[in-house]
Amino acid sequence: MKKLTTKELCNKIDPASLGFQLVSEIGSSKEIIGQKRAVDAIAFGLRVNQEGYHIFVEGPSGTGRKSFTNSIVRKKAKEEAVPDDIVFVYHFEQPESPKPILLKAGLGSAFKEDMEEFVKQVKIQIPKLFEGNQYREEYDKILRSVDAERQELLTKINETARSMGLLLKQQGNSFVTVPLIE
């Protein structure tokens, strides 16, 4: 092993031979230097068009793996047909499993905007329905009907109780039977 001098440790380059003034003029490389197998593996992974297959990219920070992977995936995506949008809506029968709906590409955001407008209008219109005379009249009609039915049932129950020698008395929200004295 040879001992190096300070001069031998220093490698001087003429800046004019580089062909640029600032590093920002160079731009970033679209390739990963010295990683042909990794590049080939990603290219192969992108050609596998079956459910359940994924590409996993690992490596140290700052090596360009993320920017390279994003660039190659974007390039591949430009070659493919634009996929449908998938929106998920509430599934009333199975609340834990939202229902997917396929829409033509680009219509998902329009659907979202339409639904937001719909909800906004519903929040305005529903309270108005409860303010009108028609609602009050229907409400009163239903109350009268329920009250009449309740009175009819109570009359029948009282008649049955009397035939058994009992009196039905209401106390708050409950009823009490009292024996009739003859």
C-alpha atoms as a PDB file:
ATOM      1  CA  MET A   1       0.000   0.000   0.000  1.00  0.00           C
ATOM      2  CA  LYS A   2       1.359   3.392  -1.029  1.00  0.00           C
ATOM      3  CA  LYS A   3       1.011   6.481   1.083  1.00  0.00           C
ATOM      4  CA  LEU A   4      -0.598   9.359  -0.939  1.00  0.00           C
ATOM      5  CA  THR A   5       0.515  12.939  -0.864  1.00  0.00           C
ATOM      6  CA  THR A   6      -1.927  15.831  -0.355  1.00  0.00           C
ATOM      7  CA  LYS A   7      -1.517  16.775  -4.031  1.00  0.00           C
ATOM      8  CA  GLU A   8      -2.446  13.239  -5.145  1.00  0.00           C
ATOM      9  CA  LEU A   9      -5.651  13.360  -3.025  1.00  0.00           C
ATOM     10  CA  CYS A  10      -6.916  16.468  -4.799  1.00  0.00           C
ATOM     11  CA  ASN A  11      -8.523  16.052  -8.232  1.00  0.00           C
ATOM     12  CA  LYS A  12      -8.812  19.413  -9.969  1.00  0.00           C
ATOM     13  CA  ILE A  13     -11.289  19.955 -12.813  1.00  0.00           C
ATOM     14  CA  ASP A  14     -11.442  22.976 -15.076  1.00  0.00           C
ATOM     15  CA  PRO A  15     -14.959  24.439 -14.541  1.00  0.00           C
ATOM     16  CA  ALA A  16     -15.116  25.525 -18.220  1.00  0.00           C
ATOM     17  CA  SER A  17     -14.920  21.849 -19.267  1.00  0.00           C
ATOM     18  CA  LEU A  18     -18.229  21.049 -17.516  1.00  0.00           C
ATOM     19  CA  GLY A  19     -20.470  22.895 -19.989  1.00  0.00           C
ATOM     20  CA  PHE A  20     -22.614  24.723 -17.412  1.00  0.00           C
ATOM     21  CA  GLN A  21     -22.300  27.630 -14.998  1.00  0.00           C
ATOM     22  CA  LEU A  22     -24.840  26.673 -12.285  1.00  0.00           C
ATOM     23  CA  VAL A  23     -25.899  23.240 -11.061  1.00  0.00           C
ATOM     24  CA  SER A  24     -29.548  24.260 -11.571  1.00  0.00           C
ATOM     25  CA  GLU A  25     -28.838  24.392 -15.333  1.00  0.00           C
ATOM     26  CA  ILE A  26     -28.224  20.641 -15.419  1.00  0.00           C
ATOM     27  CA  GLY A  27     -31.702  19.447 -14.378  1.00  0.00           C
ATOM     28  CA  SER A  28     -32.337  16.053 -12.868  1.00  0.00           C
ATOM     29  CA  SER A  29     -31.576  12.753 -14.487  1.00  0.00           C
ATOM     30  CA  LYS A  30     -34.446  10.592 -15.696  1.00  0.00           C
ATOM     31  CA  GLU A  31     -32.357   7.486 -15.070  1.00  0.00           C
ATOM     32  CA  ILE A  32     -31.063   5.833 -11.942  1.00  0.00           C
ATOM     33  CA  ILE A  33     -27.344   5.476 -12.495  1.00  0.00           C
ATOM     34  CA  GLY A  34     -26.025   1.967 -11.932  1.00  0.00           C
ATOM     35  CA  GLN A  35     -29.459   0.452 -11.253  1.00  0.00           C
ATOM     36  CA  LYS A  36     -30.283  -1.355 -14.518  1.00  0.00           C
ATOM     37  CA  ARG A  37     -31.823  -4.342 -12.699  1.00  0.00           C
ATOM     38  CA  ALA A  38     -34.056  -2.035 -10.657  1.00  0.00           C
ATOM     39  CA  VAL A  39     -35.145  -0.165 -13.803  1.00  0.00           C
ATOM     40  CA  ASP A  40     -35.857  -3.463 -15.586  1.00  0.00           C
ATOM     41  CA  ALA A  41     -37.809  -4.759 -12.558  1.00  0.00           C
ATOM     42  CA  ILE A  42     -40.026  -1.635 -12.461  1.00  0.00           C
ATOM     43  CA  ALA A  43     -40.601  -1.859 -16.223  1.00  0.00           C
ATOM     44  CA  PHE A  44     -41.554  -5.536 -15.833  1.00  0.00           C
ATOM     45  CA  GLY A  45     -43.854  -4.732 -12.895  1.00  0.00           C
ATOM     46  CA  LEU A  46     -45.646  -2.096 -14.947  1.00  0.00           C
ATOM     47  CA  ARG A  47     -46.304  -4.650 -17.699  1.00  0.00           C
ATOM     48  CA  VAL A  48     -48.005  -7.074 -15.269  1.00  0.00           C
ATOM     49  CA  ASN A  49     -51.653  -6.197 -15.665  1.00  0.00           C
ATOM     50  CA  GLN A  50     -53.314  -8.416 -13.062  1.00  0.00           C
ATOM     51  CA  GLU A  51     -55.015  -7.707  -9.775  1.00  0.00           C
ATOM     52  CA  GLY A  52     -52.926  -8.397  -6.691  1.00  0.00           C
ATOM     53  CA  TYR A  53     -49.530  -7.493  -8.152  1.00  0.00           C
ATOM     54  CA  HIS A  54     -47.693  -4.451  -6.828  1.00  0.00           C
ATOM     55  CA  ILE A  55     -44.348  -2.725  -7.204  1.00  0.00           C
ATOM     56  CA  PHE A  56     -42.312  -2.084  -4.072  1.00  0.00           C
ATOM     57  CA  VAL A  57     -39.370   0.331  -4.374  1.00  0.00           C
ATOM     58  CA  GLU A  58     -36.864   0.560  -1.543  1.00  0.00           C
ATOM     59  CA  GLY A  59     -33.576   2.372  -1.053  1.00  0.00           C
ATOM     60  CA  PRO A  60     -31.770   5.108   0.826  1.00  0.00           C
ATOM     61  CA  SER A  61     -33.112   8.667   0.877  1.00  0.00           C
ATOM     62  CA  GLY A  62     -31.806  11.072  -1.727  1.00  0.00           C
ATOM     63  CA  THR A  63     -31.031   8.446  -4.365  1.00  0.00           C
ATOM     64  CA  GLY A  64     -33.820   9.514  -6.734  1.00  0.00           C
ATOM     65  CA  ARG A  65     -35.897   6.350  -6.369  1.00  0.00           C
ATOM     66  CA  LYS A  66     -39.131   8.268  -5.752  1.00  0.00           C
ATOM     67  CA  SER A  67     -38.718  10.789  -8.570  1.00  0.00           C
ATOM     68  CA  PHE A  68     -37.610   8.051 -10.991  1.00  0.00           C
ATOM     69  CA  THR A  69     -40.499   5.780 -10.036  1.00  0.00           C
ATOM     70  CA  ASN A  70     -42.990   8.659 -10.391  1.00  0.00           C
ATOM     71  CA  SER A  71     -41.597   9.621 -13.802  1.00  0.00           C
ATOM     72  CA  ILE A  72     -41.706   6.071 -15.217  1.00  0.00           C
ATOM     73  CA  VAL A  73     -45.225   5.486 -13.837  1.00  0.00           C
ATOM     74  CA  ARG A  74     -46.446   8.800 -15.305  1.00  0.00           C
ATOM     75  CA  LYS A  75     -44.927   7.887 -18.667  1.00  0.00           C
ATOM     76  CA  LYS A  76     -46.687   4.497 -18.578  1.00  0.00           C
ATOM     77  CA  ALA A  77     -49.977   6.156 -17.541  1.00  0.00           C
ATOM     78  CA  LYS A  78     -49.850   8.449 -20.595  1.00  0.00           C
ATOM     79  CA  GLU A  79     -49.746   5.354 -22.810  1.00  0.00           C
ATOM     80  CA  GLU A  80     -52.813   3.796 -21.144  1.00  0.00           C
ATOM     81  CA  ALA A  81     -56.508   4.598 -21.482  1.00  0.00           C
ATOM     82  CA  VAL A  82     -57.776   6.935 -18.779  1.00  0.00           C
ATOM     83  CA  PRO A  83     -59.542   4.765 -16.167  1.00  0.00           C
ATOM     84  CA  ASP A  84     -63.091   5.362 -14.975  1.00  0.00           C
ATOM     85  CA  ASP A  85     -63.655   7.376 -11.819  1.00  0.00           C
ATOM     86  CA  ILE A  86     -64.821   5.413  -8.796  1.00  0.00           C
ATOM     87  CA  VAL A  87     -66.978   7.220  -6.261  1.00  0.00           C
ATOM     88  CA  PHE A  88     -68.201   5.686  -3.042  1.00  0.00           C
ATOM     89  CA  VAL A  89     -71.653   6.472  -1.700  1.00  0.00           C
ATOM     90  CA  TYR A  90     -73.401   5.510   1.514  1.00  0.00           C
ATOM     91  CA  HIS A  91     -74.835   1.991   1.440  1.00  0.00           C
ATOM     92  CA  PHE A  92     -78.032   2.123   3.484  1.00  0.00           C
ATOM     93  CA  GLU A  93     -78.393  -1.669   3.737  1.00  0.00           C
ATOM     94  CA  GLN A  94     -74.728  -2.163   4.728  1.00  0.00           C
ATOM     95  CA  PRO A  95     -73.495   1.083   6.330  1.00  0.00           C
ATOM     96  CA  GLU A  96     -70.049  -0.396   7.017  1.00  0.00           C
ATOM     97  CA  SER A  97     -69.500  -1.013   3.269  1.00  0.00           C
ATOM     98  CA  PRO A  98     -69.811   2.081   1.057  1.00  0.00           C
ATOM     99  CA  LYS A  99     -71.205   1.369  -2.396  1.00  0.00           C
ATOM    100  CA  PRO A 100     -68.823   1.989  -5.350  1.00  0.00           C
ATOM    101  CA  ILE A 101     -70.141   3.653  -8.493  1.00  0.00           C
ATOM    102  CA  LEU A 102     -68.138   3.697 -11.752  1.00  0.00           C
ATOM    103  CA  LEU A 103     -68.342   6.951 -13.724  1.00  0.00           C
ATOM    104  CA  LYS A 104     -66.631   7.928 -16.959  1.00  0.00           C
ATOM    105  CA  ALA A 105     -63.234   9.514 -16.401  1.00  0.00           C
ATOM    106  CA  GLY A 106     -63.536  13.064 -15.089  1.00  0.00           C
ATOM    107  CA  LEU A 107     -67.174  12.805 -13.989  1.00  0.00           C
ATOM    108  CA  GLY A 108     -66.316  11.941 -10.375  1.00  0.00           C
ATOM    109  CA  SER A 109     -65.531  15.527  -9.434  1.00  0.00           C
ATOM    110  CA  ALA A 110     -68.690  16.779 -11.200  1.00  0.00           C
ATOM    111  CA  PHE A 111     -70.711  14.175  -9.255  1.00  0.00           C
ATOM    112  CA  LYS A 112     -69.110  15.391  -6.004  1.00  0.00           C
ATOM    113  CA  GLU A 113     -69.956  19.018  -6.805  1.00  0.00           C
ATOM    114  CA  ASP A 114     -73.536  18.064  -7.743  1.00  0.00           C
ATOM    115  CA  MET A 115     -73.963  16.148  -4.477  1.00  0.00           C
ATOM    116  CA  GLU A 116     -72.591  19.063  -2.452  1.00  0.00           C
ATOM    117  CA  GLU A 117     -75.083  21.396  -4.174  1.00  0.00           C
ATOM    118  CA  PHE A 118     -77.892  18.884  -3.589  1.00  0.00           C
ATOM    119  CA  VAL A 119     -77.111  18.674   0.137  1.00  0.00           C
ATOM    120  CA  LYS A 120     -76.907  22.460   0.336  1.00  0.00           C
ATOM    121  CA  GLN A 121     -80.364  22.783  -1.281  1.00  0.00           C
ATOM    122  CA  VAL A 122     -81.854  20.048   0.928  1.00  0.00           C
ATOM    123  CA  LYS A 123     -80.640  21.918   4.022  1.00  0.00           C
ATOM    124  CA  ILE A 124     -82.493  25.006   2.763  1.00  0.00           C
ATOM    125  CA  GLN A 125     -85.661  23.334   1.430  1.00  0.00           C
ATOM    126  CA  ILE A 126     -86.493  20.842   4.201  1.00  0.00           C
ATOM    127  CA  PRO A 127     -86.850  23.451   6.967  1.00  0.00           C
ATOM    128  CA  LYS A 128     -89.145  25.434   4.628  1.00  0.00           C
ATOM    129  CA  LEU A 129     -91.444  22.407   4.340  1.00  0.00           C
ATOM    130  CA  PHE A 130     -92.001  22.464   8.105  1.00  0.00           C
ATOM    131  CA  GLU A 131     -92.814  26.191   8.147  1.00  0.00           C
ATOM    132  CA  GLY A 132     -95.788  26.147   5.769  1.00  0.00           C
ATOM    133  CA  ASN A 133     -99.518  25.827   6.538  1.00  0.00           C
ATOM    134  CA  GLN A 134     -99.783  22.585   4.591  1.00  0.00           C
ATOM    135  CA  TYR A 135     -97.328  20.866   6.966  1.00  0.00           C
ATOM    136  CA  ARG A 136     -99.152  22.234  10.047  1.00  0.00           C
ATOM    137  CA  GLU A 137    -102.527  21.050   8.686  1.00  0.00           C
ATOM    138  CA  GLU A 138    -101.188  17.546   7.920  1.00  0.00           C
ATOM    139  CA  TYR A 139     -99.495  17.387  11.323  1.00  0.00           C
ATOM    140  CA  ASP A 140    -102.716  18.395  13.137  1.00  0.00           C
ATOM    141  CA  LYS A 141    -104.749  15.924  11.050  1.00  0.00           C
ATOM    142  CA  ILE A 142    -102.409  13.072  12.019  1.00  0.00           C
ATOM    143  CA  LEU A 143    -102.496  14.087  15.688  1.00  0.00           C
ATOM    144  CA  ARG A 144    -106.314  14.169  15.661  1.00  0.00           C
ATOM    145  CA  SER A 145    -106.422  10.749  13.992  1.00  0.00           C
ATOM    146  CA  VAL A 146    -103.968   9.215  16.475  1.00  0.00           C
ATOM    147  CA  ASP A 147    -105.790  10.822  19.400  1.00  0.00           C
ATOM    148  CA  ALA A 148    -109.163   9.507  18.158  1.00  0.00           C
ATOM    149  CA  GLU A 149    -107.713   6.015  17.757  1.00  0.00           C
ATOM    150  CA  ARG A 150    -106.198   6.234  21.241  1.00  0.00           C
ATOM    151  CA  GLN A 151    -109.539   7.320  22.736  1.00  0.00           C
ATOM    152  CA  GLU A 152    -111.336   4.477  20.952  1.00  0.00           C
ATOM    153  CA  LEU A 153    -108.849   1.924  22.331  1.00  0.00           C
ATOM    154  CA  LEU A 154    -109.124   3.364  25.844  1.00  0.00           C
ATOM    155  CA  THR A 155    -112.911   3.174  25.678  1.00  0.00           C
ATOM    156  CA  LYS A 156    -112.733  -0.506  24.652  1.00  0.00           C
ATOM    157  CA  ILE A 157    -110.198  -1.269  27.399  1.00  0.00           C
ATOM    158  CA  ASN A 158    -112.383   0.517  29.999  1.00  0.00           C
ATOM    159  CA  GLU A 159    -115.456  -1.439  28.882  1.00  0.00           C
ATOM    160  CA  THR A 160    -113.534  -4.709  29.210  1.00  0.00           C
ATOM    161  CA  ALA A 161    -112.189  -3.651  32.629  1.00  0.00           C
ATOM    162  CA  ARG A 162    -115.711  -2.706  33.866  1.00  0.00           C
ATOM    163  CA  SER A 163    -117.061  -6.073  32.732  1.00  0.00           C
ATOM    164  CA  MET A 164    -114.392  -7.626  34.983  1.00  0.00           C
ATOM    165  CA  GLY A 165    -115.295  -5.356  37.916  1.00  0.00           C
ATOM    166  CA  LEU A 166    -112.319  -3.006  37.472  1.00  0.00           C
ATOM    167  CA  LEU A 167    -111.862   0.660  36.831  1.00  0.00           C
ATOM    168  CA  LEU A 168    -108.945   1.881  34.707  1.00  0.00           C
ATOM    169  CA  LYS A 169    -107.414   5.119  36.001  1.00  0.00           C
ATOM    170  CA  GLN A 170    -104.645   7.062  34.289  1.00  0.00           C
ATOM    171  CA  GLN A 171    -101.806   8.310  36.493  1.00  0.00           C
ATOM    172  CA  GLY A 172     -99.278  10.345  34.519  1.00  0.00           C
ATOM    173  CA  ASN A 173     -98.022   8.148  31.696  1.00  0.00           C
ATOM    174  CA  SER A 174     -99.302   4.893  33.120  1.00  0.00           C
ATOM    175  CA  PHE A 175    -102.597   3.229  34.033  1.00  0.00           C
ATOM    176  CA  VAL A 176    -103.742   1.667  37.278  1.00  0.00           C
ATOM    177  CA  THR A 177    -106.625  -0.759  37.767  1.00  0.00           C
ATOM    178  CA  VAL A 178    -108.897  -0.193  40.748  1.00  0.00           C
ATOM    179  CA  PRO A 179    -111.566  -2.685  41.871  1.00  0.00           C
ATOM    180  CA  LEU A 180    -115.130  -1.379  41.632  1.00  0.00           C
ATOM    181  CA  ILE A 181    -117.060  -1.454  44.894  1.00  0.00           C
ATOM    182  CA  GLU A 182    -120.623  -2.712  44.582  1.00  0.00           C
END
